[in-house]
């Protein structure tokens, strides 16, 4: 059977899919999600890149677009309409691949090691080679790649991976331009990767500050 050919999605559509996939694992008691919960997840300030401010109407429009190819389904029953993702069935993907796409949709370009760590709550990969194997499968799909490896950034030891659900113009621009190697201005893909890294580092700093404050409070020390 031929695999589903995914249309090019908007940033908000991939954010909606990512949030639904994430919350299925992190808040199973409240999943499927109501529209209000989905909007809150899309506009979340942590573990998101880029950070967005979407309205209920915009999120509802994204949901309606995703229902066409059966990527999102509506739950029946109850007074509040709820929504769930259908990525595994619609795209015929294993849960491991869906977990990787989810983290890429929510957090932007990442290395294999970062993906393994950030996927922990969605799927626990045995090692980095397992992550790499599923990324390679997604990149070599006969009906169209869903991920791609970005050119290595100057000073970086590892390449980063990015999802292609929004299309791939930025990746093509980066791959075609030797800007990073020549010392010229970075390409669009490199800038996006750098911004994603800064966002992740800022989130980690905030998390560590919270841990320090908690420890200080328990020890009776000033923060």
Protein backbone atom coordinates (compact mmCIF):
# COMPACT_ATOMS: atom_id res chain seq x y z
CA UNK A 1 0.00 0.00 0.00
CA UNK A 2 1.34 3.44 -0.93
CA UNK A 3 2.18 5.70 2.01
CA UNK A 4 0.25 8.90 2.52
CA UNK A 5 1.79 11.88 0.71
CA UNK A 6 1.78 14.76 3.14
CA UNK A 7 0.88 18.23 1.85
CA UNK A 8 3.09 21.19 2.79
CA UNK A 9 1.85 22.45 6.16
CA UNK A 10 1.97 25.91 7.70
CA UNK A 11 3.98 26.68 10.83
CA UNK A 12 0.80 26.80 12.93
CA UNK A 13 -0.44 23.50 11.50
CA UNK A 14 2.80 21.75 12.47
CA UNK A 15 2.62 23.41 15.88
CA UNK A 16 -0.91 22.06 16.39
CA UNK A 17 0.20 18.56 15.41
CA UNK A 18 3.25 18.78 17.64
CA UNK A 19 1.24 19.91 20.65
CA UNK A 20 -1.32 17.14 20.22
CA UNK A 21 1.42 14.51 19.97
CA UNK A 22 3.27 15.91 22.97
CA UNK A 23 0.26 16.27 25.26
CA UNK A 24 -0.91 12.75 24.47
CA UNK A 25 2.11 11.56 26.46
CA UNK A 26 2.66 14.37 28.99
CA UNK A 27 -0.98 14.99 30.08
CA UNK A 28 -2.84 11.80 29.12
CA UNK A 29 -5.64 12.52 31.62
CA UNK A 30 -6.74 15.60 29.67
CA UNK A 31 -6.10 14.20 26.18
CA UNK A 32 -7.70 14.61 23.61
CA UNK A 33 -7.38 18.38 24.01
CA UNK A 34 -10.03 21.08 24.03
CA UNK A 35 -9.52 24.10 21.78
CA UNK A 36 -8.50 26.23 24.79
CA UNK A 37 -5.89 23.70 25.89
CA UNK A 38 -4.58 23.41 22.35
CA UNK A 39 -4.22 27.18 22.01
CA UNK A 40 -2.33 27.30 25.31
CA UNK A 41 0.00 24.54 24.13
CA UNK A 42 0.66 26.31 20.83
CA UNK A 43 1.49 29.58 22.62
CA UNK A 44 3.59 27.93 25.35
CA UNK A 45 6.80 29.84 26.09
CA UNK A 46 8.96 26.87 27.10
CA UNK A 47 10.15 24.03 24.87
CA UNK A 48 8.94 25.90 21.80
CA UNK A 49 10.76 27.40 18.82
CA UNK A 50 9.73 29.72 17.44
CA UNK A 51 7.48 31.17 20.15
CA UNK A 52 4.16 32.22 18.64
CA UNK A 53 0.93 33.97 19.68
CA UNK A 54 -1.93 32.29 17.87
CA UNK A 55 -5.60 33.16 18.42
CA UNK A 56 -8.39 30.64 18.93
CA UNK A 57 -9.69 31.41 15.44
CA UNK A 58 -6.26 30.77 13.90
CA UNK A 59 -5.82 27.48 15.76
CA UNK A 60 -9.34 26.40 14.80
CA UNK A 61 -8.57 27.14 11.15
CA UNK A 62 -5.39 25.06 11.40
CA UNK A 63 -7.37 22.20 12.96
CA UNK A 64 -9.92 22.34 10.14
CA UNK A 65 -7.13 22.17 7.54
CA UNK A 66 -5.54 19.18 9.29
CA UNK A 67 -8.85 17.32 9.46
CA UNK A 68 -8.93 17.17 5.65
CA UNK A 69 -5.98 14.75 5.34
CA UNK A 70 -7.12 13.05 8.59
CA UNK A 71 -4.07 14.22 10.54
CA UNK A 72 -6.39 15.51 13.30
CA UNK A 73 -9.62 13.86 14.41
CA UNK A 74 -12.45 15.20 16.54
CA UNK A 75 -13.63 13.31 19.61
CA UNK A 76 -17.32 12.57 19.89
CA UNK A 77 -19.32 12.96 23.07
CA UNK A 78 -19.04 15.45 25.92
CA UNK A 79 -20.01 19.10 26.02
CA UNK A 80 -16.58 20.34 24.87
CA UNK A 81 -15.20 19.36 21.49
CA UNK A 82 -11.80 17.71 21.79
CA UNK A 83 -9.10 16.96 19.26
CA UNK A 84 -6.48 14.24 18.83
CA UNK A 85 -3.73 13.65 16.30
CA UNK A 86 -3.80 10.75 13.88
CA UNK A 87 -0.22 10.88 12.61
CA UNK A 88 0.68 7.23 13.04
CA UNK A 89 -2.27 6.00 11.00
CA UNK A 90 -2.46 8.83 8.45
CA UNK A 91 1.27 8.81 7.71
CA UNK A 92 1.83 5.12 8.45
CA UNK A 93 4.68 5.90 10.81
CA UNK A 94 5.92 4.05 13.90
CA UNK A 95 5.60 5.81 17.25
CA UNK A 96 9.38 6.38 17.34
CA UNK A 97 9.26 8.44 14.14
CA UNK A 98 6.25 10.40 15.36
CA UNK A 99 8.14 11.23 18.56
CA UNK A 100 11.10 12.58 16.58
CA UNK A 101 8.88 14.65 14.29
CA UNK A 102 7.02 16.00 17.32
CA UNK A 103 10.17 17.30 18.99
CA UNK A 104 11.43 18.79 15.71
CA UNK A 105 8.07 20.50 15.11
CA UNK A 106 8.03 21.98 18.60
CA UNK A 107 11.69 22.82 19.24
CA UNK A 108 13.30 23.38 15.83
CA UNK A 109 16.55 21.90 14.45
CA UNK A 110 18.46 19.61 16.84
CA UNK A 111 21.35 17.16 16.90
CA UNK A 112 20.80 13.43 17.29
CA UNK A 113 21.88 13.65 20.93
CA UNK A 114 19.49 16.51 21.65
CA UNK A 115 16.65 14.64 20.00
CA UNK A 116 17.26 11.59 22.16
CA UNK A 117 17.11 13.71 25.32
CA UNK A 118 14.11 15.79 24.25
CA UNK A 119 12.15 12.71 23.15
CA UNK A 120 12.50 11.11 26.58
CA UNK A 121 8.89 11.72 27.63
CA UNK A 122 7.50 10.64 24.25
CA UNK A 123 9.68 7.63 23.52
CA UNK A 124 12.80 6.37 25.30
CA UNK A 125 15.40 5.50 22.67
CA UNK A 126 17.95 2.90 23.72
CA UNK A 127 20.88 4.88 22.30
CA UNK A 128 21.86 7.52 19.76
CA UNK A 129 22.23 4.97 16.98
CA UNK A 130 18.53 4.10 17.35
CA UNK A 131 17.61 7.78 16.92
CA UNK A 132 19.84 8.02 13.87
CA UNK A 133 18.27 4.93 12.32
CA UNK A 134 14.75 6.34 12.54
CA UNK A 135 15.94 9.72 11.22
CA UNK A 136 17.49 7.99 8.23
CA UNK A 137 14.21 6.19 7.55
CA UNK A 138 12.31 9.47 7.65
CA UNK A 139 14.87 11.08 5.34
CA UNK A 140 14.72 8.26 2.78
CA UNK A 141 10.96 7.74 2.52
CA UNK A 142 10.04 6.81 -1.08
CA UNK A 143 7.01 9.13 -1.00
CA UNK A 144 8.99 12.12 0.20
CA UNK A 145 11.50 12.88 2.94
CA UNK A 146 10.11 14.20 6.21
CA UNK A 147 13.43 15.23 7.74
CA UNK A 148 16.79 16.44 6.46
CA UNK A 149 20.26 16.92 7.89
CA UNK A 150 21.47 20.52 7.93
CA UNK A 151 25.05 21.44 6.97
CA UNK A 152 27.34 21.53 9.99
CA UNK A 153 27.66 24.93 11.61
CA UNK A 154 31.09 26.49 12.18
CA UNK A 155 32.49 25.28 15.50
CA UNK A 156 29.89 22.52 15.86
CA UNK A 157 30.84 18.88 16.27
CA UNK A 158 27.47 17.50 15.14
CA UNK A 159 24.99 18.20 12.39
CA UNK A 160 21.44 19.18 13.22
CA UNK A 161 18.26 17.69 11.81
CA UNK A 162 15.15 19.58 10.74
CA UNK A 163 11.64 18.45 9.73
CA UNK A 164 10.39 19.15 6.22
CA UNK A 165 6.66 19.33 6.91
CA UNK A 166 6.70 23.08 6.15
CA UNK A 167 8.65 22.49 2.94
CA UNK A 168 12.40 22.80 2.46
CA UNK A 169 13.35 26.16 0.87
CA UNK A 170 15.53 27.21 3.79
CA UNK A 171 17.41 23.92 3.77
CA UNK A 172 17.99 24.11 0.03
CA UNK A 173 19.31 27.64 0.38
CA UNK A 174 21.70 26.59 3.14
CA UNK A 175 22.89 23.52 1.29
CA UNK A 176 23.52 25.48 -1.91
CA UNK A 177 25.46 28.22 -0.20
CA UNK A 178 29.00 27.71 1.16
CA UNK A 179 28.57 30.80 3.36
CA UNK A 180 29.46 29.02 6.58
CA UNK A 181 32.65 27.60 5.13
CA UNK A 182 33.75 30.84 3.48
CA UNK A 183 33.07 32.99 6.55
CA UNK A 184 30.27 34.93 4.84
CA UNK A 185 26.91 35.70 6.40
CA UNK A 186 25.06 32.56 7.62
CA UNK A 187 22.17 31.14 5.62
CA UNK A 188 18.53 31.03 6.69
CA UNK A 189 18.77 27.46 7.93
CA UNK A 190 21.86 28.22 10.01
CA UNK A 191 20.20 31.26 11.59
CA UNK A 192 17.14 29.17 12.49
CA UNK A 193 19.36 26.52 14.05
CA UNK A 194 21.28 29.12 16.08
CA UNK A 195 18.05 30.70 17.31
CA UNK A 196 16.76 27.28 18.31
CA UNK A 197 19.96 26.61 20.24
CA UNK A 198 19.72 29.95 22.06
CA UNK A 199 16.07 29.26 22.95
CA UNK A 200 16.96 25.84 24.32
CA UNK A 201 19.85 27.25 26.37
CA UNK A 202 17.64 29.99 27.78
CA UNK A 203 15.08 27.38 28.81
CA UNK A 204 17.78 25.28 30.46
CA UNK A 205 19.09 28.31 32.36
CA UNK A 206 15.57 29.09 33.62
CA UNK A 207 15.14 25.46 34.72
CA UNK A 208 18.46 25.50 36.60
CA UNK A 209 17.57 28.81 38.27
CA UNK A 210 14.35 27.23 39.48
CA UNK A 211 16.25 24.26 40.92
CA UNK A 212 18.69 26.58 42.70
CA UNK A 213 15.83 28.63 44.17
CA UNK A 214 14.14 25.45 45.39
CA UNK A 215 17.34 24.15 47.01
CA UNK A 216 17.99 27.52 48.66
CA UNK A 217 14.46 27.57 50.07
CA UNK A 218 14.82 24.03 51.46
CA UNK A 219 18.18 24.89 53.07
CA UNK A 220 16.95 28.22 54.41
CA UNK A 221 19.47 30.15 52.35
CA UNK A 222 18.80 33.41 50.50
CA UNK A 223 18.19 32.89 46.78
